[in-house]
Amino acid sequence: MRELALVVALVSGGLSFPSAAAELNSQQAASHIGETATVCGTVASANYATRTKGQSTFLNLDKPYPNQVFTIMIWGSDRAKFGSPEVQYLGKRLCATGQIQSYKGKPEIVASDPRQLTSR
């Protein structure tokens, strides 16, 4: 019984829910690489890269590409779940929850599920 309680405690403590993630603005994200958090900002530019490998969609927060502060990236294989995010979110305040990564020196979150994004 004691072992079961330990397993339950470890599993429960190890689960991460988006609502429990720290909320950061886009400028703070670079200092939190490797962490799971919610990053918020205004979508300043958006691009559906149809001619590139992976056909990614890029939502750049607070400053347009190539001077973006933070990027939300959606792989082409996940895009159908999101509709047309480059149109839907452009100019809107958007928050993304996930692990903050660094790509070419810029922080980003890769979104694979629409529940990772909230428009405010």
N, C-alpha and C. Protein backbone atom coordinates (compact mmCIF):
# COMPACT_ATOMS: atom_id res chain seq x y z
N MET A 1 0.82 -1.19 0.00
CA MET A 1 0.00 0.00 0.00
C MET A 1 0.87 1.26 0.00
N ARG A 2 1.94 1.24 0.78
CA ARG A 2 2.84 2.39 0.85
C ARG A 2 3.45 2.66 -0.52
N GLU A 3 3.82 1.56 -1.24
CA GLU A 3 4.42 1.71 -2.57
C GLU A 3 3.42 2.34 -3.54
N LEU A 4 2.17 1.92 -3.45
CA LEU A 4 1.14 2.47 -4.31
C LEU A 4 0.97 3.97 -4.06
N ALA A 5 0.98 4.37 -2.81
CA ALA A 5 0.85 5.79 -2.47
C ALA A 5 2.03 6.58 -3.03
N LEU A 6 3.22 6.01 -2.96
CA LEU A 6 4.41 6.67 -3.50
C LEU A 6 4.30 6.83 -5.00
N VAL A 7 3.87 5.79 -5.69
CA VAL A 7 3.71 5.85 -7.15
C VAL A 7 2.68 6.90 -7.54
N VAL A 8 1.56 6.92 -6.84
CA VAL A 8 0.52 7.91 -7.12
C VAL A 8 1.05 9.32 -6.90
N ALA A 9 1.78 9.53 -5.83
CA ALA A 9 2.34 10.85 -5.54
C ALA A 9 3.33 11.28 -6.62
N LEU A 10 4.19 10.37 -7.05
CA LEU A 10 5.17 10.69 -8.08
C LEU A 10 4.51 11.00 -9.41
N VAL A 11 3.54 10.19 -9.79
CA VAL A 11 2.84 10.41 -11.06
C VAL A 11 2.06 11.71 -11.02
N SER A 12 1.34 11.97 -9.94
CA SER A 12 0.56 13.20 -9.83
C SER A 12 1.46 14.43 -9.86
N GLY A 13 2.54 14.38 -9.17
CA GLY A 13 3.45 15.52 -9.12
C GLY A 13 4.17 15.75 -10.43
N GLY A 14 4.29 14.72 -11.25
CA GLY A 14 5.01 14.85 -12.49
C GLY A 14 4.17 15.33 -13.66
N LEU A 15 2.86 15.38 -13.48
CA LEU A 15 2.00 15.83 -14.56
C LEU A 15 2.04 17.35 -14.65
N SER A 16 1.99 17.84 -15.88
CA SER A 16 2.04 19.28 -16.09
C SER A 16 0.77 19.72 -16.81
N PHE A 17 0.06 20.65 -16.24
CA PHE A 17 -1.14 21.16 -16.85
C PHE A 17 -0.88 22.58 -17.30
N PRO A 18 -1.41 22.97 -18.50
CA PRO A 18 -1.17 24.32 -19.00
C PRO A 18 -1.53 25.42 -18.01
N SER A 19 -2.60 25.27 -17.25
CA SER A 19 -3.00 26.32 -16.32
C SER A 19 -1.98 26.51 -15.19
N ALA A 20 -1.15 25.49 -14.94
CA ALA A 20 -0.18 25.59 -13.87
C ALA A 20 1.15 26.17 -14.34
N ALA A 21 1.31 26.35 -15.66
CA ALA A 21 2.56 26.86 -16.20
C ALA A 21 2.71 28.34 -15.88
N ALA A 22 3.96 28.76 -15.70
CA ALA A 22 4.23 30.18 -15.47
C ALA A 22 3.82 30.98 -16.70
N GLU A 23 3.32 32.21 -16.51
CA GLU A 23 2.97 33.06 -17.65
C GLU A 23 4.04 34.13 -17.83
N LEU A 24 4.56 34.20 -19.04
CA LEU A 24 5.65 35.12 -19.37
C LEU A 24 5.24 35.99 -20.55
N ASN A 25 5.84 37.19 -20.64
CA ASN A 25 5.67 37.94 -21.88
C ASN A 25 6.76 37.49 -22.85
N SER A 26 6.66 37.87 -24.10
CA SER A 26 7.59 37.37 -25.12
C SER A 26 9.04 37.73 -24.82
N GLN A 27 9.28 38.87 -24.20
CA GLN A 27 10.65 39.29 -23.89
C GLN A 27 11.28 38.42 -22.80
N GLN A 28 10.48 37.89 -21.92
CA GLN A 28 10.99 37.06 -20.82
C GLN A 28 11.33 35.64 -21.27
N ALA A 29 10.76 35.19 -22.36
CA ALA A 29 10.89 33.79 -22.79
C ALA A 29 12.33 33.35 -23.00
N ALA A 30 13.18 34.20 -23.52
CA ALA A 30 14.58 33.84 -23.80
C ALA A 30 15.32 33.42 -22.54
N SER A 31 14.88 33.89 -21.40
CA SER A 31 15.53 33.55 -20.13
C SER A 31 14.97 32.25 -19.53
N HIS A 32 14.07 31.59 -20.25
CA HIS A 32 13.41 30.41 -19.71
C HIS A 32 13.47 29.22 -20.67
N ILE A 33 14.54 29.16 -21.49
CA ILE A 33 14.72 28.05 -22.43
C ILE A 33 14.75 26.74 -21.64
N GLY A 34 14.02 25.74 -22.15
CA GLY A 34 13.96 24.43 -21.51
C GLY A 34 12.82 24.29 -20.51
N GLU A 35 12.19 25.38 -20.16
CA GLU A 35 11.09 25.35 -19.19
C GLU A 35 9.75 25.26 -19.91
N THR A 36 8.76 24.74 -19.22
CA THR A 36 7.39 24.76 -19.73
C THR A 36 6.72 25.98 -19.14
N ALA A 37 6.13 26.79 -20.02
CA ALA A 37 5.51 28.04 -19.58
C ALA A 37 4.46 28.45 -20.59
N THR A 38 3.73 29.49 -20.25
CA THR A 38 2.79 30.13 -21.17
C THR A 38 3.41 31.47 -21.55
N VAL A 39 3.58 31.69 -22.84
CA VAL A 39 4.19 32.92 -23.35
C VAL A 39 3.13 33.68 -24.13
N CYS A 40 2.97 34.98 -23.80
CA CYS A 40 1.93 35.80 -24.42
C CYS A 40 2.52 37.01 -25.13
N GLY A 41 1.87 37.40 -26.20
CA GLY A 41 2.25 38.59 -26.95
C GLY A 41 1.27 38.80 -28.09
N THR A 42 1.49 39.86 -28.85
CA THR A 42 0.64 40.17 -30.00
C THR A 42 1.29 39.62 -31.26
N VAL A 43 0.51 38.92 -32.08
CA VAL A 43 1.03 38.34 -33.32
C VAL A 43 1.28 39.49 -34.30
N ALA A 44 2.56 39.83 -34.49
CA ALA A 44 2.97 40.95 -35.33
C ALA A 44 3.14 40.54 -36.79
N SER A 45 3.48 39.28 -37.02
CA SER A 45 3.56 38.75 -38.38
C SER A 45 3.30 37.26 -38.33
N ALA A 46 2.81 36.74 -39.44
CA ALA A 46 2.48 35.32 -39.51
C ALA A 46 2.76 34.83 -40.92
N ASN A 47 3.26 33.60 -41.02
CA ASN A 47 3.60 33.06 -42.32
C ASN A 47 3.34 31.57 -42.37
N TYR A 48 2.66 31.14 -43.40
CA TYR A 48 2.48 29.72 -43.70
C TYR A 48 3.48 29.40 -44.80
N ALA A 49 4.56 28.74 -44.45
CA ALA A 49 5.68 28.48 -45.37
C ALA A 49 5.39 27.24 -46.22
N THR A 50 4.56 27.40 -47.22
CA THR A 50 4.12 26.28 -48.05
C THR A 50 5.23 25.68 -48.90
N ARG A 51 6.26 26.44 -49.19
CA ARG A 51 7.34 25.96 -50.07
C ARG A 51 8.53 25.38 -49.33
N THR A 52 8.45 25.29 -48.01
CA THR A 52 9.57 24.76 -47.24
C THR A 52 9.27 23.35 -46.76
N LYS A 53 10.33 22.62 -46.45
CA LYS A 53 10.17 21.29 -45.89
C LYS A 53 9.42 21.43 -44.56
N GLY A 54 8.43 20.62 -44.38
CA GLY A 54 7.65 20.67 -43.15
C GLY A 54 6.46 21.60 -43.22
N GLN A 55 6.41 22.47 -44.22
CA GLN A 55 5.31 23.43 -44.42
C GLN A 55 4.81 24.03 -43.11
N SER A 56 5.73 24.61 -42.37
CA SER A 56 5.42 25.18 -41.06
C SER A 56 4.66 26.48 -41.14
N THR A 57 3.95 26.77 -40.06
CA THR A 57 3.31 28.07 -39.88
C THR A 57 4.04 28.75 -38.73
N PHE A 58 4.40 30.02 -38.93
CA PHE A 58 5.13 30.79 -37.94
C PHE A 58 4.28 31.97 -37.49
N LEU A 59 4.06 32.06 -36.20
CA LEU A 59 3.35 33.19 -35.59
C LEU A 59 4.37 33.95 -34.75
N ASN A 60 4.77 35.13 -35.21
CA ASN A 60 5.84 35.90 -34.57
C ASN A 60 5.24 36.96 -33.66
N LEU A 61 5.64 36.93 -32.40
CA LEU A 61 5.05 37.82 -31.40
C LEU A 61 5.83 39.11 -31.22
N ASP A 62 5.07 40.19 -31.10
CA ASP A 62 5.50 41.53 -30.71
C ASP A 62 6.34 42.30 -31.72
N LYS A 63 7.12 41.64 -32.55
CA LYS A 63 7.82 42.29 -33.66
C LYS A 63 7.77 41.33 -34.84
N PRO A 64 7.62 41.89 -36.06
CA PRO A 64 7.56 41.01 -37.22
C PRO A 64 8.91 40.38 -37.55
N TYR A 65 8.86 39.22 -38.23
CA TYR A 65 10.06 38.57 -38.74
C TYR A 65 10.78 39.55 -39.65
N PRO A 66 12.10 39.68 -39.60
CA PRO A 66 13.10 38.85 -38.94
C PRO A 66 13.52 39.35 -37.55
N ASN A 67 12.77 40.29 -37.00
CA ASN A 67 13.11 40.84 -35.69
C ASN A 67 12.19 40.36 -34.59
N GLN A 68 11.53 39.22 -34.82
CA GLN A 68 10.57 38.68 -33.85
C GLN A 68 11.23 38.47 -32.50
N VAL A 69 10.43 38.63 -31.46
CA VAL A 69 10.89 38.43 -30.09
C VAL A 69 10.71 36.96 -29.71
N PHE A 70 9.63 36.36 -30.23
CA PHE A 70 9.26 35.00 -29.89
C PHE A 70 8.42 34.43 -31.02
N THR A 71 8.55 33.12 -31.28
CA THR A 71 7.79 32.49 -32.35
C THR A 71 7.01 31.29 -31.83
N ILE A 72 5.79 31.16 -32.31
CA ILE A 72 5.00 29.96 -32.12
C ILE A 72 5.04 29.25 -33.47
N MET A 73 5.54 28.02 -33.48
CA MET A 73 5.68 27.29 -34.72
C MET A 73 4.73 26.09 -34.73
N ILE A 74 4.05 25.91 -35.85
CA ILE A 74 3.13 24.78 -36.04
C ILE A 74 3.61 24.01 -37.27
N TRP A 75 3.93 22.73 -37.09
CA TRP A 75 4.35 21.89 -38.22
C TRP A 75 3.18 21.70 -39.18
N GLY A 76 3.49 21.56 -40.45
CA GLY A 76 2.47 21.32 -41.46
C GLY A 76 1.63 20.10 -41.17
N SER A 77 2.23 19.08 -40.57
CA SER A 77 1.49 17.85 -40.25
C SER A 77 0.43 18.07 -39.17
N ASP A 78 0.54 19.16 -38.40
CA ASP A 78 -0.43 19.47 -37.36
C ASP A 78 -1.37 20.61 -37.76
N ARG A 79 -1.09 21.25 -38.86
CA ARG A 79 -1.79 22.47 -39.27
C ARG A 79 -3.29 22.31 -39.39
N ALA A 80 -3.78 21.19 -39.91
CA ALA A 80 -5.22 21.00 -40.11
C ALA A 80 -6.00 21.16 -38.81
N LYS A 81 -5.37 20.86 -37.69
CA LYS A 81 -6.04 20.98 -36.39
C LYS A 81 -6.30 22.44 -36.01
N PHE A 82 -5.53 23.37 -36.63
CA PHE A 82 -5.57 24.78 -36.25
C PHE A 82 -6.37 25.65 -37.22
N GLY A 83 -6.77 25.12 -38.36
CA GLY A 83 -7.44 25.95 -39.36
C GLY A 83 -6.43 26.78 -40.12
N SER A 84 -6.61 28.10 -40.11
CA SER A 84 -5.68 29.04 -40.77
C SER A 84 -5.12 29.99 -39.72
N PRO A 85 -4.19 29.52 -38.89
CA PRO A 85 -3.72 30.35 -37.78
C PRO A 85 -3.06 31.65 -38.20
N GLU A 86 -2.43 31.67 -39.38
CA GLU A 86 -1.76 32.90 -39.83
C GLU A 86 -2.77 34.01 -40.13
N VAL A 87 -4.02 33.65 -40.41
CA VAL A 87 -5.09 34.61 -40.63
C VAL A 87 -5.85 34.86 -39.33
N GLN A 88 -6.19 33.78 -38.65
CA GLN A 88 -7.01 33.83 -37.44
C GLN A 88 -6.38 34.65 -36.32
N TYR A 89 -5.06 34.57 -36.16
CA TYR A 89 -4.41 35.20 -35.00
C TYR A 89 -3.66 36.49 -35.31
N LEU A 90 -3.47 36.83 -36.58
CA LEU A 90 -2.70 38.02 -36.92
C LEU A 90 -3.30 39.27 -36.27
N GLY A 91 -2.46 40.00 -35.55
CA GLY A 91 -2.88 41.22 -34.88
C GLY A 91 -3.53 41.01 -33.53
N LYS A 92 -3.71 39.77 -33.13
CA LYS A 92 -4.36 39.46 -31.86
C LYS A 92 -3.35 39.10 -30.78
N ARG A 93 -3.77 39.29 -29.54
CA ARG A 93 -2.96 38.84 -28.41
C ARG A 93 -3.15 37.33 -28.28
N LEU A 94 -2.03 36.61 -28.25
CA LEU A 94 -2.06 35.16 -28.26
C LEU A 94 -1.10 34.63 -27.20
N CYS A 95 -1.51 33.56 -26.53
CA CYS A 95 -0.66 32.89 -25.56
C CYS A 95 -0.46 31.45 -26.01
N ALA A 96 0.76 30.96 -25.86
CA ALA A 96 1.08 29.58 -26.19
C ALA A 96 1.69 28.92 -24.96
N THR A 97 1.26 27.70 -24.69
CA THR A 97 1.79 26.93 -23.57
C THR A 97 2.55 25.74 -24.09
N GLY A 98 3.76 25.55 -23.57
CA GLY A 98 4.58 24.43 -23.98
C GLY A 98 6.01 24.64 -23.52
N GLN A 99 6.88 23.76 -24.00
CA GLN A 99 8.29 23.89 -23.64
C GLN A 99 8.94 24.94 -24.53
N ILE A 100 9.62 25.89 -23.90
CA ILE A 100 10.31 26.94 -24.64
C ILE A 100 11.63 26.37 -25.15
N GLN A 101 11.83 26.49 -26.45
CA GLN A 101 13.05 26.02 -27.10
C GLN A 101 13.75 27.21 -27.73
N SER A 102 14.98 27.00 -28.13
CA SER A 102 15.72 28.02 -28.86
C SER A 102 15.98 27.52 -30.26
N TYR A 103 15.65 28.34 -31.25
CA TYR A 103 15.94 28.01 -32.64
C TYR A 103 16.64 29.20 -33.27
N LYS A 104 17.89 28.97 -33.65
CA LYS A 104 18.73 30.04 -34.22
C LYS A 104 18.75 31.27 -33.32
N GLY A 105 18.85 31.02 -32.02
CA GLY A 105 18.99 32.10 -31.05
C GLY A 105 17.69 32.79 -30.65
N LYS A 106 16.57 32.34 -31.17
CA LYS A 106 15.28 32.95 -30.83
C LYS A 106 14.42 31.93 -30.08
N PRO A 107 13.73 32.37 -29.03
CA PRO A 107 12.87 31.43 -28.30
C PRO A 107 11.60 31.11 -29.08
N GLU A 108 11.14 29.86 -28.92
CA GLU A 108 9.91 29.45 -29.59
C GLU A 108 9.24 28.33 -28.82
N ILE A 109 7.96 28.17 -29.08
CA ILE A 109 7.20 27.01 -28.64
C ILE A 109 6.64 26.36 -29.88
N VAL A 110 6.78 25.05 -29.97
CA VAL A 110 6.16 24.29 -31.05
C VAL A 110 4.80 23.85 -30.57
N ALA A 111 3.76 24.28 -31.27
CA ALA A 111 2.39 23.93 -30.90
C ALA A 111 1.91 22.79 -31.80
N SER A 112 1.49 21.70 -31.18
CA SER A 112 0.97 20.56 -31.93
C SER A 112 -0.51 20.31 -31.66
N ASP A 113 -1.06 21.06 -30.71
CA ASP A 113 -2.46 20.90 -30.32
C ASP A 113 -3.08 22.29 -30.11
N PRO A 114 -4.22 22.56 -30.72
CA PRO A 114 -4.84 23.88 -30.57
C PRO A 114 -5.09 24.29 -29.12
N ARG A 115 -5.20 23.31 -28.22
CA ARG A 115 -5.41 23.64 -26.80
C ARG A 115 -4.19 24.34 -26.20
N GLN A 116 -3.06 24.32 -26.89
CA GLN A 116 -1.87 25.04 -26.42
C GLN A 116 -2.00 26.55 -26.64
N LEU A 117 -2.93 26.96 -27.48
CA LEU A 117 -3.07 28.38 -27.82
C LEU A 117 -4.35 28.96 -27.24
N THR A 118 -4.23 30.17 -26.70
CA THR A 118 -5.41 30.89 -26.24
C THR A 118 -5.29 32.32 -26.72
N SER A 119 -6.36 32.81 -27.33
CA SER A 119 -6.40 34.18 -27.79
C SER A 119 -7.07 35.02 -26.72
N ARG A 120 -6.44 36.13 -26.38
CA ARG A 120 -7.00 36.98 -25.29
C ARG A 120 -7.27 38.36 -25.78
